[in-house]
Amino acid sequence: MISKLGQVMVYVEDQEKAVKFWTEKAGFVVVADEGSEDQGLRWIEIAPARDAATTIVLHDKEVISKMSPELNLGTPSLMFYTDDVDKLYADFKEKGVTTGELINLRTGRSFNFADDEGNYFAVMESLEE
């Protein structure tokens, strides 16, 4: 049986640019930086915190497309949660992150944002008490 989602693979054009976005603008940390460009394969694991249950692994889109041309390398639709959507929205705006409108949904307040390669993601205010 599957017990949890461990990693989400995100395929990017520029790994360094992607790491910079996620760490400097989104506040993530680098959990691991494995392999090397010299070896032909490098992957960078990031997460909102070191002990996060699920991480994102940034892969070089061009390298992966050559290794596994059958893979769908499109950006997955990811929904992140935050305890303070207003603060995060203001922080992203201040850092120049492309953001959509902050909207009210039946399930909570939410907005979309884009990384520096134009990949869109969403974030929602966590309603857990």
N, C-alpha and C. Protein backbone atom coordinates (compact mmCIF):
# COMPACT_ATOMS: atom_id res chain seq x y z
N MET A 1 0.83 -1.19 0.00
CA MET A 1 0.00 0.00 0.00
C MET A 1 0.87 1.25 0.00
N ILE A 2 0.41 2.27 -0.68
CA ILE A 2 1.10 3.56 -0.66
C ILE A 2 0.78 4.25 0.65
N SER A 3 1.80 4.77 1.32
CA SER A 3 1.58 5.39 2.62
C SER A 3 1.65 6.92 2.60
N LYS A 4 2.37 7.52 1.63
CA LYS A 4 2.43 8.97 1.54
C LYS A 4 3.07 9.37 0.21
N LEU A 5 2.93 10.62 -0.14
CA LEU A 5 3.59 11.18 -1.31
C LEU A 5 4.95 11.71 -0.84
N GLY A 6 6.01 11.16 -1.38
CA GLY A 6 7.35 11.53 -0.91
C GLY A 6 7.97 12.68 -1.67
N GLN A 7 7.91 12.63 -3.01
CA GLN A 7 8.55 13.66 -3.83
C GLN A 7 7.67 13.98 -5.03
N VAL A 8 7.79 15.21 -5.48
CA VAL A 8 7.16 15.65 -6.72
C VAL A 8 8.29 16.11 -7.63
N MET A 9 8.33 15.58 -8.84
CA MET A 9 9.36 15.96 -9.79
C MET A 9 8.89 17.16 -10.59
N VAL A 10 9.72 18.21 -10.61
CA VAL A 10 9.43 19.39 -11.42
C VAL A 10 10.59 19.54 -12.39
N TYR A 11 10.27 19.60 -13.67
CA TYR A 11 11.28 19.67 -14.73
C TYR A 11 11.43 21.12 -15.16
N VAL A 12 12.66 21.64 -15.05
CA VAL A 12 12.91 23.06 -15.29
C VAL A 12 13.98 23.26 -16.36
N GLU A 13 13.95 24.43 -16.97
CA GLU A 13 14.94 24.78 -17.99
C GLU A 13 16.30 25.11 -17.37
N ASP A 14 16.28 25.75 -16.19
CA ASP A 14 17.50 26.24 -15.55
C ASP A 14 17.43 25.92 -14.06
N GLN A 15 18.16 24.90 -13.63
CA GLN A 15 18.09 24.46 -12.24
C GLN A 15 18.56 25.55 -11.27
N GLU A 16 19.62 26.26 -11.60
CA GLU A 16 20.13 27.30 -10.70
C GLU A 16 19.09 28.41 -10.51
N LYS A 17 18.47 28.82 -11.59
CA LYS A 17 17.44 29.85 -11.53
C LYS A 17 16.25 29.35 -10.71
N ALA A 18 15.88 28.09 -10.89
CA ALA A 18 14.76 27.52 -10.14
C ALA A 18 15.07 27.45 -8.65
N VAL A 19 16.28 27.02 -8.29
CA VAL A 19 16.67 26.95 -6.87
C VAL A 19 16.64 28.34 -6.26
N LYS A 20 17.14 29.31 -6.99
CA LYS A 20 17.16 30.69 -6.49
C LYS A 20 15.74 31.18 -6.22
N PHE A 21 14.81 30.90 -7.16
CA PHE A 21 13.42 31.30 -6.94
C PHE A 21 12.87 30.66 -5.67
N TRP A 22 12.96 29.33 -5.58
CA TRP A 22 12.33 28.61 -4.48
C TRP A 22 12.96 28.94 -3.13
N THR A 23 14.27 29.19 -3.07
CA THR A 23 14.89 29.49 -1.79
C THR A 23 14.80 30.97 -1.42
N GLU A 24 15.05 31.85 -2.38
CA GLU A 24 15.08 33.28 -2.06
C GLU A 24 13.71 33.93 -2.05
N LYS A 25 12.80 33.48 -2.89
CA LYS A 25 11.49 34.11 -2.96
C LYS A 25 10.41 33.33 -2.23
N ALA A 26 10.46 32.00 -2.27
CA ALA A 26 9.41 31.19 -1.66
C ALA A 26 9.80 30.67 -0.28
N GLY A 27 11.05 30.86 0.13
CA GLY A 27 11.47 30.48 1.48
C GLY A 27 11.75 29.01 1.70
N PHE A 28 11.91 28.24 0.62
CA PHE A 28 12.23 26.82 0.74
C PHE A 28 13.71 26.65 1.11
N VAL A 29 14.08 25.43 1.49
CA VAL A 29 15.48 25.08 1.76
C VAL A 29 15.90 23.96 0.83
N VAL A 30 17.19 23.91 0.55
CA VAL A 30 17.74 22.80 -0.24
C VAL A 30 17.97 21.64 0.72
N VAL A 31 17.34 20.52 0.44
CA VAL A 31 17.48 19.32 1.26
C VAL A 31 18.65 18.48 0.75
N ALA A 32 18.81 18.43 -0.57
CA ALA A 32 19.90 17.65 -1.17
C ALA A 32 20.21 18.21 -2.56
N ASP A 33 21.47 18.11 -2.93
CA ASP A 33 21.93 18.49 -4.27
C ASP A 33 22.81 17.34 -4.72
N GLU A 34 22.28 16.49 -5.57
CA GLU A 34 22.94 15.24 -5.92
C GLU A 34 23.33 15.18 -7.39
N GLY A 35 24.28 14.29 -7.68
CA GLY A 35 24.75 14.14 -9.05
C GLY A 35 25.52 15.38 -9.47
N SER A 36 25.78 15.49 -10.75
CA SER A 36 26.46 16.67 -11.25
C SER A 36 26.18 16.82 -12.73
N GLU A 37 26.34 18.04 -13.21
CA GLU A 37 26.15 18.28 -14.63
C GLU A 37 27.22 17.53 -15.43
N ASP A 38 28.43 17.36 -14.84
CA ASP A 38 29.50 16.62 -15.51
C ASP A 38 29.11 15.16 -15.73
N GLN A 39 28.38 14.60 -14.77
CA GLN A 39 27.92 13.21 -14.88
C GLN A 39 26.69 13.09 -15.78
N GLY A 40 26.13 14.23 -16.16
CA GLY A 40 24.98 14.22 -17.04
C GLY A 40 23.64 14.24 -16.35
N LEU A 41 23.62 14.12 -15.03
CA LEU A 41 22.35 14.15 -14.30
C LEU A 41 22.56 14.77 -12.93
N ARG A 42 21.81 15.81 -12.66
CA ARG A 42 21.85 16.47 -11.35
C ARG A 42 20.41 16.69 -10.91
N TRP A 43 20.14 16.46 -9.65
CA TRP A 43 18.82 16.74 -9.12
C TRP A 43 18.97 17.47 -7.80
N ILE A 44 18.08 18.42 -7.59
CA ILE A 44 18.12 19.27 -6.40
C ILE A 44 16.78 19.11 -5.69
N GLU A 45 16.85 18.65 -4.45
CA GLU A 45 15.65 18.42 -3.65
C GLU A 45 15.42 19.62 -2.75
N ILE A 46 14.22 20.19 -2.82
CA ILE A 46 13.88 21.36 -2.01
C ILE A 46 12.60 21.07 -1.23
N ALA A 47 12.40 21.84 -0.17
CA ALA A 47 11.20 21.67 0.65
C ALA A 47 10.96 22.94 1.45
N PRO A 48 9.73 23.12 1.94
CA PRO A 48 9.46 24.28 2.77
C PRO A 48 10.22 24.23 4.11
N ALA A 49 10.60 23.04 4.53
CA ALA A 49 11.39 22.84 5.75
C ALA A 49 12.15 21.52 5.61
N ARG A 50 13.26 21.40 6.30
CA ARG A 50 14.09 20.18 6.20
C ARG A 50 13.32 18.91 6.54
N ASP A 51 12.38 19.01 7.47
CA ASP A 51 11.66 17.82 7.92
C ASP A 51 10.31 17.65 7.22
N ALA A 52 10.10 18.31 6.09
CA ALA A 52 8.84 18.21 5.36
C ALA A 52 8.59 16.78 4.90
N ALA A 53 7.35 16.35 4.94
CA ALA A 53 7.00 14.98 4.53
C ALA A 53 7.10 14.80 3.02
N THR A 54 6.87 15.88 2.27
CA THR A 54 6.94 15.82 0.82
C THR A 54 7.91 16.88 0.33
N THR A 55 8.74 16.52 -0.64
CA THR A 55 9.71 17.45 -1.18
C THR A 55 9.50 17.59 -2.69
N ILE A 56 10.11 18.62 -3.24
CA ILE A 56 10.12 18.83 -4.69
C ILE A 56 11.53 18.56 -5.18
N VAL A 57 11.63 17.82 -6.27
CA VAL A 57 12.94 17.56 -6.87
C VAL A 57 12.99 18.28 -8.21
N LEU A 58 13.97 19.17 -8.34
CA LEU A 58 14.14 19.94 -9.57
C LEU A 58 15.09 19.19 -10.50
N HIS A 59 14.57 18.83 -11.66
CA HIS A 59 15.37 18.11 -12.66
C HIS A 59 15.54 18.99 -13.89
N ASP A 60 16.64 18.81 -14.59
CA ASP A 60 16.89 19.51 -15.85
C ASP A 60 16.00 18.91 -16.93
N LYS A 61 15.10 19.71 -17.46
CA LYS A 61 14.11 19.24 -18.44
C LYS A 61 14.78 18.64 -19.68
N GLU A 62 15.83 19.28 -20.18
CA GLU A 62 16.49 18.81 -21.40
C GLU A 62 17.15 17.44 -21.18
N VAL A 63 17.83 17.28 -20.06
CA VAL A 63 18.50 16.01 -19.75
C VAL A 63 17.47 14.88 -19.63
N ILE A 64 16.40 15.14 -18.88
CA ILE A 64 15.37 14.11 -18.66
C ILE A 64 14.68 13.76 -19.97
N SER A 65 14.43 14.75 -20.83
CA SER A 65 13.75 14.46 -22.10
C SER A 65 14.59 13.55 -22.99
N LYS A 66 15.91 13.65 -22.89
CA LYS A 66 16.80 12.77 -23.67
C LYS A 66 16.84 11.36 -23.06
N MET A 67 16.84 11.30 -21.73
CA MET A 67 16.89 10.00 -21.04
C MET A 67 15.58 9.24 -21.16
N SER A 68 14.47 9.97 -21.04
CA SER A 68 13.14 9.33 -21.04
C SER A 68 12.18 10.16 -21.89
N PRO A 69 12.28 10.04 -23.20
CA PRO A 69 11.46 10.87 -24.07
C PRO A 69 9.95 10.62 -23.92
N GLU A 70 9.57 9.53 -23.31
CA GLU A 70 8.15 9.22 -23.15
C GLU A 70 7.51 9.97 -21.98
N LEU A 71 8.31 10.57 -21.11
CA LEU A 71 7.76 11.26 -19.93
C LEU A 71 7.04 12.55 -20.31
N ASN A 72 5.98 12.85 -19.58
CA ASN A 72 5.31 14.14 -19.69
C ASN A 72 6.08 15.09 -18.78
N LEU A 73 6.73 16.08 -19.36
CA LEU A 73 7.58 16.99 -18.59
C LEU A 73 6.87 18.29 -18.23
N GLY A 74 5.55 18.31 -18.38
CA GLY A 74 4.79 19.50 -18.00
C GLY A 74 4.82 19.71 -16.50
N THR A 75 4.54 20.92 -16.09
CA THR A 75 4.56 21.26 -14.67
C THR A 75 3.35 20.66 -13.97
N PRO A 76 3.56 19.95 -12.87
CA PRO A 76 2.41 19.41 -12.13
C PRO A 76 1.62 20.55 -11.49
N SER A 77 0.35 20.33 -11.29
CA SER A 77 -0.49 21.33 -10.64
C SER A 77 -0.37 21.12 -9.13
N LEU A 78 0.39 21.99 -8.48
CA LEU A 78 0.67 21.85 -7.06
C LEU A 78 -0.12 22.88 -6.25
N MET A 79 -0.68 22.45 -5.14
CA MET A 79 -1.37 23.33 -4.21
C MET A 79 -0.59 23.31 -2.90
N PHE A 80 -0.10 24.47 -2.51
CA PHE A 80 0.61 24.62 -1.25
C PHE A 80 -0.35 25.19 -0.22
N TYR A 81 -0.03 25.01 1.07
CA TYR A 81 -0.83 25.57 2.16
C TYR A 81 0.01 26.55 2.95
N THR A 82 -0.64 27.56 3.51
CA THR A 82 0.02 28.53 4.36
C THR A 82 -0.90 28.86 5.53
N ASP A 83 -0.30 29.26 6.65
CA ASP A 83 -1.07 29.68 7.82
C ASP A 83 -1.46 31.15 7.73
N ASP A 84 -0.76 31.93 6.88
CA ASP A 84 -1.02 33.36 6.78
C ASP A 84 -0.97 33.77 5.31
N VAL A 85 -2.09 33.62 4.63
CA VAL A 85 -2.13 33.89 3.19
C VAL A 85 -1.88 35.37 2.88
N ASP A 86 -2.34 36.27 3.75
CA ASP A 86 -2.12 37.70 3.51
C ASP A 86 -0.64 38.05 3.56
N LYS A 87 0.06 37.52 4.55
CA LYS A 87 1.49 37.78 4.69
C LYS A 87 2.27 37.21 3.51
N LEU A 88 1.95 35.97 3.12
CA LEU A 88 2.65 35.35 2.00
C LEU A 88 2.38 36.11 0.71
N TYR A 89 1.14 36.51 0.49
CA TYR A 89 0.77 37.26 -0.71
C TYR A 89 1.57 38.57 -0.77
N ALA A 90 1.61 39.30 0.34
CA ALA A 90 2.36 40.56 0.40
C ALA A 90 3.85 40.32 0.19
N ASP A 91 4.37 39.26 0.79
CA ASP A 91 5.79 38.91 0.66
C ASP A 91 6.14 38.60 -0.80
N PHE A 92 5.31 37.81 -1.46
CA PHE A 92 5.54 37.48 -2.88
C PHE A 92 5.50 38.74 -3.73
N LYS A 93 4.52 39.61 -3.49
CA LYS A 93 4.41 40.87 -4.24
C LYS A 93 5.68 41.71 -4.05
N GLU A 94 6.14 41.80 -2.80
CA GLU A 94 7.34 42.59 -2.48
C GLU A 94 8.57 42.04 -3.19
N LYS A 95 8.64 40.72 -3.35
CA LYS A 95 9.79 40.08 -3.98
C LYS A 95 9.66 40.00 -5.50
N GLY A 96 8.59 40.57 -6.06
CA GLY A 96 8.41 40.59 -7.50
C GLY A 96 7.91 39.29 -8.11
N VAL A 97 7.32 38.43 -7.30
CA VAL A 97 6.76 37.17 -7.80
C VAL A 97 5.45 37.49 -8.52
N THR A 98 5.25 36.91 -9.70
CA THR A 98 4.00 37.07 -10.43
C THR A 98 2.91 36.35 -9.66
N THR A 99 1.88 37.09 -9.28
CA THR A 99 0.79 36.51 -8.50
C THR A 99 -0.54 36.84 -9.14
N GLY A 100 -1.49 35.94 -8.94
CA GLY A 100 -2.86 36.20 -9.35
C GLY A 100 -3.57 36.93 -8.22
N GLU A 101 -4.84 37.14 -8.42
CA GLU A 101 -5.65 37.81 -7.42
C GLU A 101 -5.87 36.90 -6.21
N LEU A 102 -5.88 37.49 -5.04
CA LEU A 102 -6.20 36.76 -3.81
C LEU A 102 -7.73 36.61 -3.77
N ILE A 103 -8.19 35.36 -3.80
CA ILE A 103 -9.63 35.11 -3.91
C ILE A 103 -10.15 34.32 -2.72
N ASN A 104 -11.43 34.44 -2.49
CA ASN A 104 -12.11 33.69 -1.44
C ASN A 104 -12.85 32.52 -2.07
N LEU A 105 -12.51 31.32 -1.64
CA LEU A 105 -13.19 30.12 -2.09
C LEU A 105 -13.95 29.52 -0.91
N ARG A 106 -14.83 28.63 -1.20
CA ARG A 106 -15.58 27.96 -0.12
C ARG A 106 -14.62 27.24 0.83
N THR A 107 -13.52 26.76 0.29
CA THR A 107 -12.56 25.98 1.08
C THR A 107 -11.45 26.82 1.70
N GLY A 108 -11.42 28.14 1.42
CA GLY A 108 -10.40 29.01 1.98
C GLY A 108 -9.95 30.06 0.98
N ARG A 109 -9.08 30.94 1.42
CA ARG A 109 -8.55 32.00 0.56
C ARG A 109 -7.33 31.47 -0.18
N SER A 110 -7.18 31.89 -1.44
CA SER A 110 -6.17 31.28 -2.30
C SER A 110 -5.66 32.29 -3.33
N PHE A 111 -4.46 32.03 -3.85
CA PHE A 111 -3.96 32.77 -5.01
C PHE A 111 -2.98 31.89 -5.77
N ASN A 112 -2.83 32.21 -7.05
CA ASN A 112 -1.85 31.54 -7.90
C ASN A 112 -0.57 32.37 -7.93
N PHE A 113 0.55 31.70 -8.19
CA PHE A 113 1.81 32.41 -8.39
C PHE A 113 2.63 31.66 -9.41
N ALA A 114 3.58 32.36 -10.01
CA ALA A 114 4.44 31.75 -11.02
C ALA A 114 5.89 31.82 -10.59
N ASP A 115 6.64 30.77 -10.92
CA ASP A 115 8.08 30.82 -10.69
C ASP A 115 8.72 31.65 -11.80
N ASP A 116 10.03 31.76 -11.80
CA ASP A 116 10.72 32.60 -12.77
C ASP A 116 10.76 32.02 -14.18
N GLU A 117 10.26 30.80 -14.36
CA GLU A 117 10.15 30.22 -15.70
C GLU A 117 8.71 30.26 -16.21
N GLY A 118 7.81 30.86 -15.42
CA GLY A 118 6.42 30.98 -15.84
C GLY A 118 5.55 29.78 -15.51
N ASN A 119 6.03 28.88 -14.66
CA ASN A 119 5.24 27.74 -14.21
C ASN A 119 4.32 28.21 -13.08
N TYR A 120 3.03 27.91 -13.19
CA TYR A 120 2.07 28.37 -12.19
C TYR A 120 1.77 27.32 -11.14
N PHE A 121 1.62 27.82 -9.91
CA PHE A 121 1.29 27.00 -8.75
C PHE A 121 0.20 27.74 -7.97
N ALA A 122 -0.36 27.10 -6.96
CA ALA A 122 -1.39 27.74 -6.15
C ALA A 122 -1.04 27.57 -4.68
N VAL A 123 -1.56 28.49 -3.88
CA VAL A 123 -1.40 28.41 -2.43
C VAL A 123 -2.74 28.75 -1.80
N MET A 124 -3.06 28.03 -0.72
CA MET A 124 -4.32 28.24 -0.04
C MET A 124 -4.07 28.37 1.46
N GLU A 125 -4.87 29.20 2.08
CA GLU A 125 -4.79 29.35 3.53
C GLU A 125 -5.27 28.07 4.19
N SER A 126 -4.45 27.53 5.07
CA SER A 126 -4.82 26.32 5.79
C SER A 126 -5.89 26.65 6.81
N LEU A 127 -6.97 25.89 6.79
CA LEU A 127 -8.08 26.14 7.70
C LEU A 127 -8.05 25.22 8.91
N GLU A 128 -6.93 24.50 9.09
CA GLU A 128 -6.82 23.60 10.24
C GLU A 128 -6.74 24.42 11.52
N GLU A 129 -7.39 23.95 12.53
CA GLU A 129 -7.38 24.68 13.82
C GLU A 129 -6.77 23.85 14.89
